[in-house]
Structure formats: C-alpha cells, structure tokens
Protein backbone atom coordinates (compact mmCIF):
# COMPACT_ATOMS: atom_id res chain seq x y z
CA UNK A 1 0.00 0.00 0.00
CA UNK A 2 1.29 3.43 -0.89
CA UNK A 3 0.07 6.51 0.92
CA UNK A 4 0.09 9.62 -1.24
CA UNK A 5 1.54 12.85 0.02
CA UNK A 6 -1.95 14.36 -0.32
CA UNK A 7 -3.36 11.82 2.13
CA UNK A 8 -0.46 12.36 4.49
CA UNK A 9 -0.94 16.13 4.42
CA UNK A 10 -4.71 15.79 4.92
CA UNK A 11 -4.20 13.56 7.95
CA UNK A 12 -1.62 15.94 9.43
CA UNK A 13 -3.96 18.88 8.87
CA UNK A 14 -6.91 17.13 10.54
CA UNK A 15 -4.78 16.05 13.49
CA UNK A 16 -3.58 19.63 13.90
CA UNK A 17 -7.15 20.93 13.85
CA UNK A 18 -8.27 18.31 16.38
CA UNK A 19 -5.66 19.29 18.94
CA UNK A 20 -6.70 21.77 21.62
CA UNK A 21 -4.77 24.95 22.30
CA UNK A 22 -3.66 25.68 18.77
CA UNK A 23 -5.40 29.04 18.74
CA UNK A 24 -7.29 30.12 15.67
CA UNK A 25 -5.64 28.04 12.96
CA UNK A 26 -4.85 29.72 9.69
CA UNK A 27 -3.47 28.37 6.46
CA UNK A 28 -0.08 29.77 7.43
CA UNK A 29 -0.06 28.36 10.96
CA UNK A 30 -1.02 24.87 9.76
CA UNK A 31 1.51 25.05 6.95
CA UNK A 32 4.29 26.09 9.31
CA UNK A 33 3.55 23.67 12.13
CA UNK A 34 2.96 20.62 9.92
CA UNK A 35 5.59 21.47 7.29
CA UNK A 36 3.07 21.42 4.45
CA UNK A 37 3.69 23.71 1.47
CA UNK A 38 0.99 26.42 1.55
CA UNK A 39 -0.12 25.86 -2.05
CA UNK A 40 -0.65 22.14 -1.48
CA UNK A 41 -2.32 22.77 1.88
CA UNK A 42 -4.76 25.14 0.20
CA UNK A 43 -5.73 22.41 -2.29
CA UNK A 44 -5.98 19.87 0.53
CA UNK A 45 -8.23 22.15 2.56
CA UNK A 46 -10.45 22.67 -0.49
CA UNK A 47 -10.97 18.91 -0.85
CA UNK A 48 -11.57 18.48 2.90
CA UNK A 49 -14.09 21.33 2.90
CA UNK A 50 -15.92 20.02 -0.15
CA UNK A 51 -16.14 16.59 1.53
CA UNK A 52 -17.45 18.30 4.71
CA UNK A 53 -14.60 17.38 7.02
CA UNK A 54 -13.72 21.00 7.75
CA UNK A 55 -15.47 24.34 7.70
CA UNK A 56 -13.89 27.72 7.17
CA UNK A 57 -16.32 30.39 8.32
CA UNK A 58 -14.23 32.63 10.61
CA UNK A 59 -11.42 30.12 11.07
CA UNK A 60 -10.46 26.66 9.87
CA UNK A 61 -12.03 23.99 12.07
CA UNK A 62 -13.30 20.44 11.98
CA UNK A 63 -16.87 20.11 10.73
CA UNK A 64 -17.47 17.00 12.84
CA UNK A 65 -15.85 15.41 15.88
CA UNK A 66 -12.38 13.94 15.35
CA UNK A 67 -13.71 10.67 16.76
CA UNK A 68 -16.00 10.37 13.74
CA UNK A 69 -13.29 10.82 11.09
CA UNK A 70 -11.47 7.60 10.29
CA UNK A 71 -8.04 7.38 8.74
CA UNK A 72 -9.47 5.04 6.11
CA UNK A 73 -12.05 7.51 4.85
CA UNK A 74 -9.43 10.25 4.46
CA UNK A 75 -7.09 7.93 2.56
CA UNK A 76 -9.97 6.86 0.32
CA UNK A 77 -10.91 10.50 -0.26
CA UNK A 78 -7.45 11.33 -1.57
CA UNK A 79 -6.15 8.00 -2.90
CA UNK A 80 -9.24 5.99 -3.81
CA UNK A 81 -9.80 2.38 -2.80
CA UNK A 82 -7.17 0.57 -0.78
CA UNK A 83 -5.59 -2.23 -2.72
CA UNK A 84 -2.33 -3.54 -1.25
CA UNK A 85 -2.62 -6.51 -3.59
CA UNK A 86 -2.96 -5.13 -7.10
CA UNK A 87 -2.96 -7.14 -10.29
CA UNK A 88 0.26 -6.87 -12.22
CA UNK A 89 -1.65 -6.66 -15.49
CA UNK A 90 -0.87 -3.66 -17.67
CA UNK A 91 -4.59 -3.17 -18.24
CA UNK A 92 -5.28 -3.32 -14.50
CA UNK A 93 -8.26 -5.62 -14.57
CA UNK A 94 -6.78 -9.05 -15.22
CA UNK A 95 -6.44 -11.60 -12.45
CA UNK A 96 -3.25 -11.17 -10.43
CA UNK A 97 -0.67 -13.83 -11.31
CA UNK A 98 -0.48 -14.92 -7.68
CA UNK A 99 -4.13 -16.01 -7.83
CA UNK A 100 -2.83 -19.33 -9.16
CA UNK A 101 -1.34 -19.91 -5.69
CA UNK A 102 -4.28 -19.77 -3.24
CA UNK A 103 -2.11 -19.79 -0.11
CA UNK A 104 -0.04 -16.86 -1.36
CA UNK A 105 -3.02 -14.83 -2.50
CA UNK A 106 -4.76 -15.75 0.78
CA UNK A 107 -1.87 -14.28 2.74
CA UNK A 108 -2.09 -10.99 0.87
CA UNK A 109 -5.86 -10.98 1.24
CA UNK A 110 -5.44 -11.33 5.03
CA UNK A 111 -2.91 -8.50 5.03
CA UNK A 112 -5.30 -6.30 3.05
CA UNK A 113 -8.14 -7.08 5.48
CA UNK A 114 -5.92 -6.33 8.48
CA UNK A 115 -4.76 -2.99 7.07
CA UNK A 116 -8.30 -1.95 6.13
CA UNK A 117 -9.61 -2.93 9.56
CA UNK A 118 -6.88 -1.01 11.40
CA UNK A 119 -7.43 2.12 9.32
CA UNK A 120 -11.20 1.85 9.61
CA UNK A 121 -11.06 1.66 13.40
CA UNK A 122 -8.49 4.43 13.87
CA UNK A 123 -9.85 7.96 14.06
CA UNK A 124 -8.24 11.36 14.06
CA UNK A 125 -9.05 11.54 17.79
CA UNK A 126 -6.65 8.65 18.39
CA UNK A 127 -3.74 10.97 17.52
CA UNK A 128 -4.70 13.85 19.78
C-alpha cells in the first residue's frame, strides 16, 4: 500500500485541527507547524471542505468530531480504494498472477483485510 503525500498532508492537517490549544488556525499556521507547502495545503483544505470534514467560516475547524473521522475515509478520499494486492496486469483488470497460488493470494488478502480494519477503526481523535 502506498500513501500519497496528499493523504499524508490531509491527515496531518486534521490532526492539527483536532488538537486543543492551537489558537485560531490559519493556512499559514497549519503550513508552518505541519511542514506542508501552503499551495498544497490550500488544495488539501479545499478537498476536505468540499467533503465536509472542515469548515472555514471565521477560522479553519473540523466540521465534525475527530472521533468520527477515520483514517481510512481520508485515505480513500485522496487515494481511492485501498488495494495492497494489485494485479500486475498492464490493463489493470486481469487476475493477479499470484491467484494461481491460493495460499499466497490468501496471505495478501489477510494482510489487506488487516490494514483496512486497522485504518477503519483508527480515528483522528486517536492521535490527539
């Protein structure tokens, strides 16, 4: 599984917003404290706002409790479906070569399930 920089920045931003005592967060303060380039942060905030994870009336803040935002949903928002076991096919829709070995493909299926479960049950609040 690869985590894009966009997902990483979104998670860092949400964790920052969930923490108490950070004052009135601004684009600049989040960018500085989380080491996220301002231009990329602006795009990230746009996506998070459109998906209703943040609101930006007077200040940037979470639109719902951090305990109701899972890591998995943020990764899916920015990276799409999780697929640690991807087919090697150039076209992307053929059966993975390892499917001919059920024990091997079963191992990777278990790993995929474990990763998905961990990310689904971990919220932004768990990092505060």
